[in-house]
Amino acid sequence: MRTRLGILAFGVIALLLFPASAVMAHPPSSMELEYSGDDGILTIWIAHAVGNVSSHYIKEVEVKVNGDEVAELKYRNQSERDGERILVTIGRFDPGTSIEVKAECSRSGDMEKKIVVQ
């Protein structure tokens, strides 16, 4: 009986001491990519709803074309509370070219998305 009470007490104390911010950490919820072959611009929308854009944000975005890194973008905050919109010039590519984007949260998790140029 004492052992179970000790374990229960330890569990309650651990929950009280565990930072609430870690519980609220989450990766991006979705990502949309749109590539314009006319001007070589990739538009990225990363849905990542946060309460405080200075302490919980998309901290890094990596863009690869056919597996080769063409852009690595680092941030110190998020411009909008519901996500981050990015425009990056990556150049003009032929149909069949693969464009991959990886977005990383400042607290926990990441998301990857891939499109193929039409």
PDB file of N, CA and C in Angstrom:
ATOM      1  N   MET A   1       0.816  -1.183   0.000  1.00  0.00           N
ATOM      2  CA  MET A   1       0.000   0.000   0.000  1.00  0.00           C
ATOM      3  C   MET A   1       0.869   1.260   0.000  1.00  0.00           C
ATOM      4  N   ARG A   2       1.917   1.263   0.859  1.00  0.00           N
ATOM      5  CA  ARG A   2       2.799   2.419   0.921  1.00  0.00           C
ATOM      6  C   ARG A   2       3.513   2.643  -0.402  1.00  0.00           C
ATOM      7  N   THR A   3       3.915   1.573  -1.072  1.00  0.00           N
ATOM      8  CA  THR A   3       4.614   1.691  -2.342  1.00  0.00           C
ATOM      9  C   THR A   3       3.728   2.346  -3.397  1.00  0.00           C
ATOM     10  N   ARG A   4       2.470   1.938  -3.453  1.00  0.00           N
ATOM     11  CA  ARG A   4       1.553   2.539  -4.428  1.00  0.00           C
ATOM     12  C   ARG A   4       1.318   4.011  -4.131  1.00  0.00           C
ATOM     13  N   LEU A   5       1.211   4.372  -2.860  1.00  0.00           N
ATOM     14  CA  LEU A   5       1.037   5.779  -2.496  1.00  0.00           C
ATOM     15  C   LEU A   5       2.276   6.594  -2.861  1.00  0.00           C
ATOM     16  N   GLY A   6       3.447   5.998  -2.669  1.00  0.00           N
ATOM     17  CA  GLY A   6       4.693   6.676  -3.030  1.00  0.00           C
ATOM     18  C   GLY A   6       4.792   6.913  -4.526  1.00  0.00           C
ATOM     19  N   ILE A   7       4.421   5.910  -5.307  1.00  0.00           N
ATOM     20  CA  ILE A   7       4.443   6.038  -6.768  1.00  0.00           C
ATOM     21  C   ILE A   7       3.439   7.084  -7.218  1.00  0.00           C
ATOM     22  N   LEU A   8       2.246   7.066  -6.644  1.00  0.00           N
ATOM     23  CA  LEU A   8       1.213   8.053  -6.978  1.00  0.00           C
ATOM     24  C   LEU A   8       1.678   9.457  -6.624  1.00  0.00           C
ATOM     25  N   ALA A   9       2.263   9.633  -5.455  1.00  0.00           N
ATOM     26  CA  ALA A   9       2.762  10.949  -5.042  1.00  0.00           C
ATOM     27  C   ALA A   9       3.859  11.426  -5.982  1.00  0.00           C
ATOM     28  N   PHE A  10       4.764  10.533  -6.345  1.00  0.00           N
ATOM     29  CA  PHE A  10       5.831  10.892  -7.281  1.00  0.00           C
ATOM     30  C   PHE A  10       5.243  11.327  -8.622  1.00  0.00           C
ATOM     31  N   GLY A  11       4.243  10.593  -9.114  1.00  0.00           N
ATOM     32  CA  GLY A  11       3.597  10.930 -10.383  1.00  0.00           C
ATOM     33  C   GLY A  11       2.943  12.300 -10.346  1.00  0.00           C
ATOM     34  N   VAL A  12       2.256  12.607  -9.256  1.00  0.00           N
ATOM     35  CA  VAL A  12       1.602  13.911  -9.125  1.00  0.00           C
ATOM     36  C   VAL A  12       2.640  15.031  -9.088  1.00  0.00           C
ATOM     37  N   ILE A  13       3.707  14.829  -8.340  1.00  0.00           N
ATOM     38  CA  ILE A  13       4.767  15.843  -8.251  1.00  0.00           C
ATOM     39  C   ILE A  13       5.418  16.046  -9.616  1.00  0.00           C
ATOM     40  N   ALA A  14       5.680  14.964 -10.336  1.00  0.00           N
ATOM     41  CA  ALA A  14       6.284  15.070 -11.664  1.00  0.00           C
ATOM     42  C   ALA A  14       5.387  15.853 -12.612  1.00  0.00           C
ATOM     43  N   LEU A  15       4.094  15.603 -12.555  1.00  0.00           N
ATOM     44  CA  LEU A  15       3.162  16.352 -13.410  1.00  0.00           C
ATOM     45  C   LEU A  15       3.149  17.831 -13.070  1.00  0.00           C
ATOM     46  N   LEU A  16       3.225  18.167 -11.801  1.00  0.00           N
ATOM     47  CA  LEU A  16       3.224  19.567 -11.389  1.00  0.00           C
ATOM     48  C   LEU A  16       4.508  20.283 -11.776  1.00  0.00           C
ATOM     49  N   LEU A  17       5.610  19.560 -11.755  1.00  0.00           N
ATOM     50  CA  LEU A  17       6.891  20.169 -12.087  1.00  0.00           C
ATOM     51  C   LEU A  17       7.190  20.188 -13.582  1.00  0.00           C
ATOM     52  N   PHE A  18       6.529  19.336 -14.352  1.00  0.00           N
ATOM     53  CA  PHE A  18       6.757  19.261 -15.793  1.00  0.00           C
ATOM     54  C   PHE A  18       6.299  20.555 -16.434  1.00  0.00           C
ATOM     55  N   PRO A  19       7.158  21.235 -17.193  1.00  0.00           N
ATOM     56  CA  PRO A  19       6.769  22.524 -17.761  1.00  0.00           C
ATOM     57  C   PRO A  19       5.579  22.408 -18.710  1.00  0.00           C
ATOM     58  N   ALA A  20       4.651  23.317 -18.552  1.00  0.00           N
ATOM     59  CA  ALA A  20       3.465  23.339 -19.412  1.00  0.00           C
ATOM     60  C   ALA A  20       3.844  23.591 -20.864  1.00  0.00           C
ATOM     61  N   SER A  21       4.926  24.314 -21.093  1.00  0.00           N
ATOM     62  CA  SER A  21       5.335  24.621 -22.459  1.00  0.00           C
ATOM     63  C   SER A  21       5.684  23.362 -23.242  1.00  0.00           C
ATOM     64  N   ALA A  22       6.244  22.359 -22.567  1.00  0.00           N
ATOM     65  CA  ALA A  22       6.587  21.121 -23.260  1.00  0.00           C
ATOM     66  C   ALA A  22       5.329  20.381 -23.684  1.00  0.00           C
ATOM     67  N   VAL A  23       4.289  20.481 -22.875  1.00  0.00           N
ATOM     68  CA  VAL A  23       3.030  19.840 -23.228  1.00  0.00           C
ATOM     69  C   VAL A  23       2.419  20.516 -24.458  1.00  0.00           C
ATOM     70  N   MET A  24       2.614  21.820 -24.589  1.00  0.00           N
ATOM     71  CA  MET A  24       2.019  22.587 -25.674  1.00  0.00           C
ATOM     72  C   MET A  24       2.858  22.543 -26.958  1.00  0.00           C
ATOM     73  N   ALA A  25       4.037  21.984 -26.907  1.00  0.00           N
ATOM     74  CA  ALA A  25       4.892  21.912 -28.088  1.00  0.00           C
ATOM     75  C   ALA A  25       4.287  20.967 -29.111  1.00  0.00           C
ATOM     76  N   HIS A  26       4.421  21.337 -30.384  1.00  0.00           N
ATOM     77  CA  HIS A  26       3.869  20.505 -31.446  1.00  0.00           C
ATOM     78  C   HIS A  26       4.529  20.857 -32.771  1.00  0.00           C
ATOM     79  N   PRO A  27       4.597  19.899 -33.663  1.00  0.00           N
ATOM     80  CA  PRO A  27       5.147  20.174 -34.996  1.00  0.00           C
ATOM     81  C   PRO A  27       4.121  20.946 -35.826  1.00  0.00           C
ATOM     82  N   PRO A  28       4.514  21.441 -36.992  1.00  0.00           N
ATOM     83  CA  PRO A  28       3.536  22.076 -37.877  1.00  0.00           C
ATOM     84  C   PRO A  28       2.388  21.113 -38.170  1.00  0.00           C
ATOM     85  N   SER A  29       1.178  21.663 -38.341  1.00  0.00           N
ATOM     86  CA  SER A  29       0.018  20.797 -38.590  1.00  0.00           C
ATOM     87  C   SER A  29      -0.189  20.504 -40.072  1.00  0.00           C
ATOM     88  N   SER A  30       0.257  21.401 -40.945  1.00  0.00           N
ATOM     89  CA  SER A  30       0.169  21.143 -42.384  1.00  0.00           C
ATOM     90  C   SER A  30       1.115  22.089 -43.120  1.00  0.00           C
ATOM     91  N   MET A  31       1.346  21.764 -44.400  1.00  0.00           N
ATOM     92  CA  MET A  31       2.212  22.598 -45.224  1.00  0.00           C
ATOM     93  C   MET A  31       1.685  22.599 -46.652  1.00  0.00           C
ATOM     94  N   GLU A  32       1.662  23.771 -47.260  1.00  0.00           N
ATOM     95  CA  GLU A  32       1.257  23.903 -48.662  1.00  0.00           C
ATOM     96  C   GLU A  32       2.424  24.482 -49.451  1.00  0.00           C
ATOM     97  N   LEU A  33       2.702  23.890 -50.608  1.00  0.00           N
ATOM     98  CA  LEU A  33       3.772  24.362 -51.478  1.00  0.00           C
ATOM     99  C   LEU A  33       3.191  24.720 -52.835  1.00  0.00           C
ATOM    100  N   GLU A  34       3.614  25.852 -53.365  1.00  0.00           N
ATOM    101  CA  GLU A  34       3.191  26.264 -54.707  1.00  0.00           C
ATOM    102  C   GLU A  34       4.408  26.809 -55.438  1.00  0.00           C
ATOM    103  N   TYR A  35       4.712  26.200 -56.576  1.00  0.00           N
ATOM    104  CA  TYR A  35       5.883  26.593 -57.351  1.00  0.00           C
ATOM    105  C   TYR A  35       5.447  27.266 -58.640  1.00  0.00           C
ATOM    106  N   SER A  36       6.041  28.421 -58.927  1.00  0.00           N
ATOM    107  CA  SER A  36       5.780  29.135 -60.176  1.00  0.00           C
ATOM    108  C   SER A  36       7.001  29.002 -61.068  1.00  0.00           C
ATOM    109  N   GLY A  37       6.865  28.227 -62.118  1.00  0.00           N
ATOM    110  CA  GLY A  37       7.960  28.046 -63.064  1.00  0.00           C
ATOM    111  C   GLY A  37       8.240  29.296 -63.868  1.00  0.00           C
ATOM    112  N   ASP A  38       7.253  30.200 -63.967  1.00  0.00           N
ATOM    113  CA  ASP A  38       7.447  31.439 -64.727  1.00  0.00           C
ATOM    114  C   ASP A  38       8.518  32.326 -64.113  1.00  0.00           C
ATOM    115  N   ASP A  39       8.518  32.409 -62.773  1.00  0.00           N
ATOM    116  CA  ASP A  39       9.488  33.278 -62.106  1.00  0.00           C
ATOM    117  C   ASP A  39      10.417  32.533 -61.146  1.00  0.00           C
ATOM    118  N   GLY A  40      10.246  31.226 -61.021  1.00  0.00           N
ATOM    119  CA  GLY A  40      11.124  30.422 -60.176  1.00  0.00           C
ATOM    120  C   GLY A  40      10.925  30.629 -58.683  1.00  0.00           C
ATOM    121  N   ILE A  41       9.711  31.051 -58.300  1.00  0.00           N
ATOM    122  CA  ILE A  41       9.436  31.317 -56.894  1.00  0.00           C
ATOM    123  C   ILE A  41       8.622  30.186 -56.273  1.00  0.00           C
ATOM    124  N   LEU A  42       9.064  29.749 -55.093  1.00  0.00           N
ATOM    125  CA  LEU A  42       8.352  28.753 -54.315  1.00  0.00           C
ATOM    126  C   LEU A  42       7.649  29.478 -53.173  1.00  0.00           C
ATOM    127  N   THR A  43       6.335  29.297 -53.084  1.00  0.00           N
ATOM    128  CA  THR A  43       5.560  29.854 -51.982  1.00  0.00           C
ATOM    129  C   THR A  43       5.261  28.721 -51.017  1.00  0.00           C
ATOM    130  N   ILE A  44       5.581  28.961 -49.752  1.00  0.00           N
ATOM    131  CA  ILE A  44       5.417  27.947 -48.703  1.00  0.00           C
ATOM    132  C   ILE A  44       4.479  28.506 -47.636  1.00  0.00           C
ATOM    133  N   TRP A  45       3.434  27.771 -47.296  1.00  0.00           N
ATOM    134  CA  TRP A  45       2.590  28.112 -46.158  1.00  0.00           C
ATOM    135  C   TRP A  45       2.704  26.966 -45.164  1.00  0.00           C
ATOM    136  N   ILE A  46       3.150  27.285 -43.947  1.00  0.00           N
ATOM    137  CA  ILE A  46       3.298  26.292 -42.890  1.00  0.00           C
ATOM    138  C   ILE A  46       2.291  26.626 -41.802  1.00  0.00           C
ATOM    139  N   ALA A  47       1.276  25.782 -41.638  1.00  0.00           N
ATOM    140  CA  ALA A  47       0.285  25.982 -40.589  1.00  0.00           C
ATOM    141  C   ALA A  47       0.876  25.521 -39.265  1.00  0.00           C
ATOM    142  N   HIS A  48       0.951  26.453 -38.313  1.00  0.00           N
ATOM    143  CA  HIS A  48       1.576  26.160 -37.015  1.00  0.00           C
ATOM    144  C   HIS A  48       1.026  27.178 -36.012  1.00  0.00           C
ATOM    145  N   ALA A  49      -0.144  26.898 -35.480  1.00  0.00           N
ATOM    146  CA  ALA A  49      -0.814  27.824 -34.559  1.00  0.00           C
ATOM    147  C   ALA A  49      -0.101  27.836 -33.211  1.00  0.00           C
ATOM    148  N   VAL A  50       0.238  29.040 -32.752  1.00  0.00           N
ATOM    149  CA  VAL A  50       0.956  29.209 -31.483  1.00  0.00           C
ATOM    150  C   VAL A  50       0.352  30.360 -30.686  1.00  0.00           C
ATOM    151  N   GLY A  51       0.611  30.365 -29.402  1.00  0.00           N
ATOM    152  CA  GLY A  51       0.139  31.439 -28.547  1.00  0.00           C
ATOM    153  C   GLY A  51       1.102  32.612 -28.503  1.00  0.00           C
ATOM    154  N   ASN A  52       2.410  32.316 -28.561  1.00  0.00           N
ATOM    155  CA  ASN A  52       3.427  33.355 -28.473  1.00  0.00           C
ATOM    156  C   ASN A  52       4.429  33.146 -29.602  1.00  0.00           C
ATOM    157  N   VAL A  53       4.425  34.045 -30.590  1.00  0.00           N
ATOM    158  CA  VAL A  53       5.262  33.888 -31.786  1.00  0.00           C
ATOM    159  C   VAL A  53       6.751  34.074 -31.513  1.00  0.00           C
ATOM    160  N   SER A  54       7.095  34.568 -30.315  1.00  0.00           N
ATOM    161  CA  SER A  54       8.502  34.770 -29.970  1.00  0.00           C
ATOM    162  C   SER A  54       9.123  33.577 -29.259  1.00  0.00           C
ATOM    163  N   SER A  55       8.293  32.734 -28.654  1.00  0.00           N
ATOM    164  CA  SER A  55       8.842  31.607 -27.909  1.00  0.00           C
ATOM    165  C   SER A  55       8.508  30.251 -28.525  1.00  0.00           C
ATOM    166  N   HIS A  56       7.570  30.216 -29.458  1.00  0.00           N
ATOM    167  CA  HIS A  56       7.163  28.965 -30.113  1.00  0.00           C
ATOM    168  C   HIS A  56       6.912  29.300 -31.575  1.00  0.00           C
ATOM    169  N   TYR A  57       7.766  28.803 -32.454  1.00  0.00           N
ATOM    170  CA  TYR A  57       7.731  29.253 -33.843  1.00  0.00           C
ATOM    171  C   TYR A  57       8.407  28.238 -34.763  1.00  0.00           C
ATOM    172  N   ILE A  58       8.262  28.465 -36.063  1.00  0.00           N
ATOM    173  CA  ILE A  58       9.008  27.686 -37.052  1.00  0.00           C
ATOM    174  C   ILE A  58      10.419  28.250 -37.062  1.00  0.00           C
ATOM    175  N   LYS A  59      11.397  27.431 -36.623  1.00  0.00           N
ATOM    176  CA  LYS A  59      12.751  27.971 -36.478  1.00  0.00           C
ATOM    177  C   LYS A  59      13.645  27.734 -37.700  1.00  0.00           C
ATOM    178  N   GLU A  60      13.318  26.718 -38.499  1.00  0.00           N
ATOM    179  CA  GLU A  60      14.170  26.440 -39.653  1.00  0.00           C
ATOM    180  C   GLU A  60      13.363  25.821 -40.777  1.00  0.00           C
ATOM    181  N   VAL A  61      13.670  26.268 -41.993  1.00  0.00           N
ATOM    182  CA  VAL A  61      13.036  25.717 -43.186  1.00  0.00           C
ATOM    183  C   VAL A  61      14.142  25.390 -44.174  1.00  0.00           C
ATOM    184  N   GLU A  62      14.137  24.150 -44.634  1.00  0.00           N
ATOM    185  CA  GLU A  62      15.143  23.685 -45.590  1.00  0.00           C
ATOM    186  C   GLU A  62      14.452  23.324 -46.897  1.00  0.00           C
ATOM    187  N   VAL A  63      14.999  23.828 -48.010  1.00  0.00           N
ATOM    188  CA  VAL A  63      14.433  23.550 -49.329  1.00  0.00           C
ATOM    189  C   VAL A  63      15.469  22.782 -50.147  1.00  0.00           C
ATOM    190  N   LYS A  64      15.019  21.659 -50.720  1.00  0.00           N
ATOM    191  CA  LYS A  64      15.902  20.860 -51.574  1.00  0.00           C
ATOM    192  C   LYS A  64      15.250  20.692 -52.947  1.00  0.00           C
ATOM    193  N   VAL A  65      16.083  20.687 -53.980  1.00  0.00           N
ATOM    194  CA  VAL A  65      15.634  20.420 -55.343  1.00  0.00           C
ATOM    195  C   VAL A  65      16.402  19.202 -55.817  1.00  0.00           C
ATOM    196  N   ASN A  66      15.656  18.143 -56.157  1.00  0.00           N
ATOM    197  CA  ASN A  66      16.264  16.863 -56.556  1.00  0.00           C
ATOM    198  C   ASN A  66      17.311  16.400 -55.542  1.00  0.00           C
ATOM    199  N   GLY A  67      17.025  16.625 -54.248  1.00  0.00           N
ATOM    200  CA  GLY A  67      17.901  16.172 -53.185  1.00  0.00           C
ATOM    201  C   GLY A  67      19.023  17.115 -52.810  1.00  0.00           C
ATOM    202  N   ASP A  68      19.241  18.184 -53.596  1.00  0.00           N
ATOM    203  CA  ASP A  68      20.307  19.144 -53.305  1.00  0.00           C
ATOM    204  C   ASP A  68      19.726  20.359 -52.588  1.00  0.00           C
ATOM    205  N   GLU A  69      20.338  20.744 -51.467  1.00  0.00           N
ATOM    206  CA  GLU A  69      19.853  21.900 -50.712  1.00  0.00           C
ATOM    207  C   GLU A  69      20.051  23.188 -51.509  1.00  0.00           C
ATOM    208  N   VAL A  70      18.964  23.959 -51.650  1.00  0.00           N
ATOM    209  CA  VAL A  70      19.037  25.238 -52.359  1.00  0.00           C
ATOM    210  C   VAL A  70      18.750  26.412 -51.433  1.00  0.00           C
ATOM    211  N   ALA A  71      18.175  26.147 -50.263  1.00  0.00           N
ATOM    212  CA  ALA A  71      17.914  27.222 -49.300  1.00  0.00           C
ATOM    213  C   ALA A  71      17.804  26.642 -47.899  1.00  0.00           C
ATOM    214  N   GLU A  72      18.406  27.343 -46.945  1.00  0.00           N
ATOM    215  CA  GLU A  72      18.266  27.015 -45.534  1.00  0.00           C
ATOM    216  C   GLU A  72      17.924  28.329 -44.838  1.00  0.00           C
ATOM    217  N   LEU A  73      16.703  28.415 -44.343  1.00  0.00           N
ATOM    218  CA  LEU A  73      16.195  29.651 -43.748  1.00  0.00           C
ATOM    219  C   LEU A  73      16.028  29.447 -42.249  1.00  0.00           C
ATOM    220  N   LYS A  74      16.551  30.386 -41.450  1.00  0.00           N
ATOM    221  CA  LYS A  74      16.460  30.285 -39.994  1.00  0.00           C
ATOM    222  C   LYS A  74      15.714  31.504 -39.465  1.00  0.00           C
ATOM    223  N   TYR A  75      14.868  31.250 -38.455  1.00  0.00           N
ATOM    224  CA  TYR A  75      14.024  32.298 -37.897  1.00  0.00           C
ATOM    225  C   TYR A  75      14.152  32.369 -36.380  1.00  0.00           C
ATOM    226  N   ARG A  76      13.831  33.544 -35.833  1.00  0.00           N
ATOM    227  CA  ARG A  76      13.841  33.753 -34.376  1.00  0.00           C
ATOM    228  C   ARG A  76      12.441  33.982 -33.827  1.00  0.00           C
ATOM    229  N   ASN A  77      11.468  34.034 -34.721  1.00  0.00           N
ATOM    230  CA  ASN A  77      10.070  34.145 -34.328  1.00  0.00           C
ATOM    231  C   ASN A  77       9.205  33.785 -35.527  1.00  0.00           C
ATOM    232  N   GLN A  78       7.926  33.816 -35.318  1.00  0.00           N
ATOM    233  CA  GLN A  78       6.971  33.467 -36.375  1.00  0.00           C
ATOM    234  C   GLN A  78       6.181  34.728 -36.705  1.00  0.00           C
ATOM    235  N   SER A  79       5.994  35.036 -37.976  1.00  0.00           N
ATOM    236  CA  SER A  79       5.368  36.306 -38.368  1.00  0.00           C
ATOM    237  C   SER A  79       3.859  36.347 -38.109  1.00  0.00           C
ATOM    238  N   GLU A  80       3.207  35.204 -38.087  1.00  0.00           N
ATOM    239  CA  GLU A  80       1.757  35.147 -37.844  1.00  0.00           C
ATOM    240  C   GLU A  80       1.474  34.088 -36.776  1.00  0.00           C
ATOM    241  N   ARG A  81       0.428  34.316 -35.975  1.00  0.00           N
ATOM    242  CA  ARG A  81       0.104  33.360 -34.903  1.00  0.00           C
ATOM    243  C   ARG A  81      -0.371  32.012 -35.442  1.00  0.00           C
ATOM    244  N   ASP A  82      -0.916  32.000 -36.657  1.00  0.00           N
ATOM    245  CA  ASP A  82      -1.422  30.733 -37.186  1.00  0.00           C
ATOM    246  C   ASP A  82      -0.446  30.018 -38.115  1.00  0.00           C
ATOM    247  N   GLY A  83       0.701  30.628 -38.393  1.00  0.00           N
ATOM    248  CA  GLY A  83       1.683  29.953 -39.227  1.00  0.00           C
ATOM    249  C   GLY A  83       2.687  30.900 -39.843  1.00  0.00           C
ATOM    250  N   GLU A  84       3.407  30.403 -40.822  1.00  0.00           N
ATOM    251  CA  GLU A  84       4.463  31.170 -41.477  1.00  0.00           C
ATOM    252  C   GLU A  84       4.316  31.041 -42.989  1.00  0.00           C
ATOM    253  N   ARG A  85       4.348  32.192 -43.672  1.00  0.00           N
ATOM    254  CA  ARG A  85       4.299  32.233 -45.137  1.00  0.00           C
ATOM    255  C   ARG A  85       5.673  32.682 -45.625  1.00  0.00           C
ATOM    256  N   ILE A  86       6.224  31.913 -46.567  1.00  0.00           N
ATOM    257  CA  ILE A  86       7.572  32.178 -47.058  1.00  0.00           C
ATOM    258  C   ILE A  86       7.560  32.177 -48.575  1.00  0.00           C
ATOM    259  N   LEU A  87       8.236  33.144 -49.160  1.00  0.00           N
ATOM    260  CA  LEU A  87       8.466  33.187 -50.596  1.00  0.00           C
ATOM    261  C   LEU A  87       9.971  33.101 -50.802  1.00  0.00           C
ATOM    262  N   VAL A  88      10.398  32.141 -51.607  1.00  0.00           N
ATOM    263  CA  VAL A  88      11.832  31.981 -51.842  1.00  0.00           C
ATOM    264  C   VAL A  88      12.074  31.709 -53.324  1.00  0.00           C
ATOM    265  N   THR A  89      13.009  32.447 -53.894  1.00  0.00           N
ATOM    266  CA  THR A  89      13.378  32.236 -55.294  1.00  0.00           C
ATOM    267  C   THR A  89      14.351  31.071 -55.354  1.00  0.00           C
ATOM    268  N   ILE A  90      13.941  30.020 -56.063  1.00  0.00           N
ATOM    269  CA  ILE A  90      14.795  28.829 -56.151  1.00  0.00           C
ATOM    270  C   ILE A  90      15.252  28.555 -57.583  1.00  0.00           C
ATOM    271  N   GLY A  91      14.709  29.270 -58.552  1.00  0.00           N
ATOM    272  CA  GLY A  91      15.103  29.099 -59.943  1.00  0.00           C
ATOM    273  C   GLY A  91      14.048  28.356 -60.755  1.00  0.00           C
ATOM    274  N   ARG A  92      14.269  28.310 -62.036  1.00  0.00           N
ATOM    275  CA  ARG A  92      13.339  27.641 -62.951  1.00  0.00           C
ATOM    276  C   ARG A  92      13.796  26.212 -63.188  1.00  0.00           C
ATOM    277  N   PHE A  93      12.810  25.292 -63.131  1.00  0.00           N
ATOM    278  CA  PHE A  93      13.128  23.878 -63.278  1.00  0.00           C
ATOM    279  C   PHE A  93      12.176  23.201 -64.236  1.00  0.00           C
ATOM    280  N   ASP A  94      12.655  22.146 -64.876  1.00  0.00           N
ATOM    281  CA  ASP A  94      11.874  21.383 -65.841  1.00  0.00           C
ATOM    282  C   ASP A  94      10.831  20.518 -65.144  1.00  0.00           C
ATOM    283  N   PRO A  95       9.774  20.149 -65.887  1.00  0.00           N
ATOM    284  CA  PRO A  95       8.796  19.208 -65.340  1.00  0.00           C
ATOM    285  C   PRO A  95       9.491  17.928 -64.871  1.00  0.00           C
ATOM    286  N   GLY A  96       8.979  17.372 -63.762  1.00  0.00           N
ATOM    287  CA  GLY A  96       9.554  16.172 -63.187  1.00  0.00           C
ATOM    288  C   GLY A  96      10.551  16.449 -62.072  1.00  0.00           C
ATOM    289  N   THR A  97      10.950  17.713 -61.925  1.00  0.00           N
ATOM    290  CA  THR A  97      11.883  18.090 -60.869  1.00  0.00           C
ATOM    291  C   THR A  97      11.190  17.981 -59.509  1.00  0.00           C
ATOM    292  N   SER A  98      11.872  17.406 -58.538  1.00  0.00           N
ATOM    293  CA  SER A  98      11.345  17.222 -57.186  1.00  0.00           C
ATOM    294  C   SER A  98      11.758  18.393 -56.297  1.00  0.00           C
ATOM    295  N   ILE A  99      10.783  18.978 -55.593  1.00  0.00           N
ATOM    296  CA  ILE A  99      11.050  20.055 -54.627  1.00  0.00           C
ATOM    297  C   ILE A  99      10.578  19.559 -53.262  1.00  0.00           C
ATOM    298  N   GLU A 100      11.496  19.557 -52.293  1.00  0.00           N
ATOM    299  CA  GLU A 100      11.188  19.079 -50.943  1.00  0.00           C
ATOM    300  C   GLU A 100      11.420  20.204 -49.939  1.00  0.00           C
ATOM    301  N   VAL A 101      10.511  20.300 -48.968  1.00  0.00           N
ATOM    302  CA  VAL A 101      10.637  21.313 -47.922  1.00  0.00           C
ATOM    303  C   VAL A 101      10.488  20.634 -46.565  1.00  0.00           C
ATOM    304  N   LYS A 102      11.373  20.987 -45.645  1.00  0.00           N
ATOM    305  CA  LYS A 102      11.293  20.495 -44.267  1.00  0.00           C
ATOM    306  C   LYS A 102      11.217  21.709 -43.354  1.00  0.00           C
ATOM    307  N   ALA A 103      10.204  21.746 -42.482  1.00  0.00           N
ATOM    308  CA  ALA A 103      10.028  22.833 -41.521  1.00  0.00           C
ATOM    309  C   ALA A 103      10.164  22.263 -40.114  1.00  0.00           C
ATOM    310  N   GLU A 104      10.939  22.956 -39.274  1.00  0.00           N
ATOM    311  CA  GLU A 104      11.193  22.475 -37.914  1.00  0.00           C
ATOM    312  C   GLU A 104      10.681  23.478 -36.886  1.00  0.00           C
ATOM    313  N   CYS A 105       9.956  22.975 -35.904  1.00  0.00           N
ATOM    314  CA  CYS A 105       9.429  23.777 -34.803  1.00  0.00           C
ATOM    315  C   CYS A 105      10.544  24.082 -33.805  1.00  0.00           C
ATOM    316  N   SER A 106      10.473  25.259 -33.172  1.00  0.00           N
ATOM    317  CA  SER A 106      11.489  25.647 -32.186  1.00  0.00           C
ATOM    318  C   SER A 106      11.417  24.796 -30.926  1.00  0.00           C
ATOM    319  N   ARG A 107      10.294  24.161 -30.672  1.00  0.00           N
ATOM    320  CA  ARG A 107      10.143  23.369 -29.453  1.00  0.00           C
ATOM    321  C   ARG A 107      10.189  21.867 -29.700  1.00  0.00           C
ATOM    322  N   SER A 108       9.425  21.411 -30.694  1.00  0.00           N
ATOM    323  CA  SER A 108       9.375  19.970 -30.892  1.00  0.00           C
ATOM    324  C   SER A 108       8.766  19.630 -32.238  1.00  0.00           C
ATOM    325  N   GLY A 109       9.420  18.778 -32.959  1.00  0.00           N
ATOM    326  CA  GLY A 109       8.848  18.205 -34.172  1.00  0.00           C
ATOM    327  C   GLY A 109       9.143  18.944 -35.455  1.00  0.00           C
ATOM    328  N   ASP A 110       8.891  18.258 -36.554  1.00  0.00           N
ATOM    329  CA  ASP A 110       9.079  18.837 -37.866  1.00  0.00           C
ATOM    330  C   ASP A 110       8.088  18.225 -38.834  1.00  0.00           C
ATOM    331  N   MET A 111       8.043  18.767 -40.041  1.00  0.00           N
ATOM    332  CA  MET A 111       7.162  18.274 -41.086  1.00  0.00           C
ATOM    333  C   MET A 111       7.883  18.411 -42.417  1.00  0.00           C
ATOM    334  N   GLU A 112       7.644  17.445 -43.299  1.00  0.00           N
ATOM    335  CA  GLU A 112       8.237  17.483 -44.640  1.00  0.00           C
ATOM    336  C   GLU A 112       7.132  17.368 -45.675  1.00  0.00           C
ATOM    337  N   LYS A 113       7.355  18.032 -46.799  1.00  0.00           N
ATOM    338  CA  LYS A 113       6.395  17.976 -47.921  1.00  0.00           C
ATOM    339  C   LYS A 113       7.190  17.994 -49.204  1.00  0.00           C
ATOM    340  N   LYS A 114       6.666  17.290 -50.205  1.00  0.00           N
ATOM    341  CA  LYS A 114       7.350  17.185 -51.499  1.00  0.00           C
ATOM    342  C   LYS A 114       6.343  17.438 -52.614  1.00  0.00           C
ATOM    343  N   ILE A 115       6.778  18.175 -53.639  1.00  0.00           N
ATOM    344  CA  ILE A 115       5.962  18.329 -54.843  1.00  0.00           C
ATOM    345  C   ILE A 115       6.861  18.046 -56.047  1.00  0.00           C
ATOM    346  N   VAL A 116       6.248  17.780 -57.168  1.00  0.00           N
ATOM    347  CA  VAL A 116       6.962  17.544 -58.405  1.00  0.00           C
ATOM    348  C   VAL A 116       6.492  18.594 -59.402  1.00  0.00           C
ATOM    349  N   VAL A 117       7.462  19.265 -60.038  1.00  0.00           N
ATOM    350  CA  VAL A 117       7.151  20.325 -61.013  1.00  0.00           C
ATOM    351  C   VAL A 117       6.370  19.718 -62.161  1.00  0.00           C
ATOM    352  N   GLN A 118       5.265  20.354 -62.521  1.00  0.00           N
ATOM    353  CA  GLN A 118       4.408  19.889 -63.614  1.00  0.00           C
ATOM    354  C   GLN A 118       4.787  20.544 -64.924  1.00  0.00           C
TER     355      GLN A 118
END
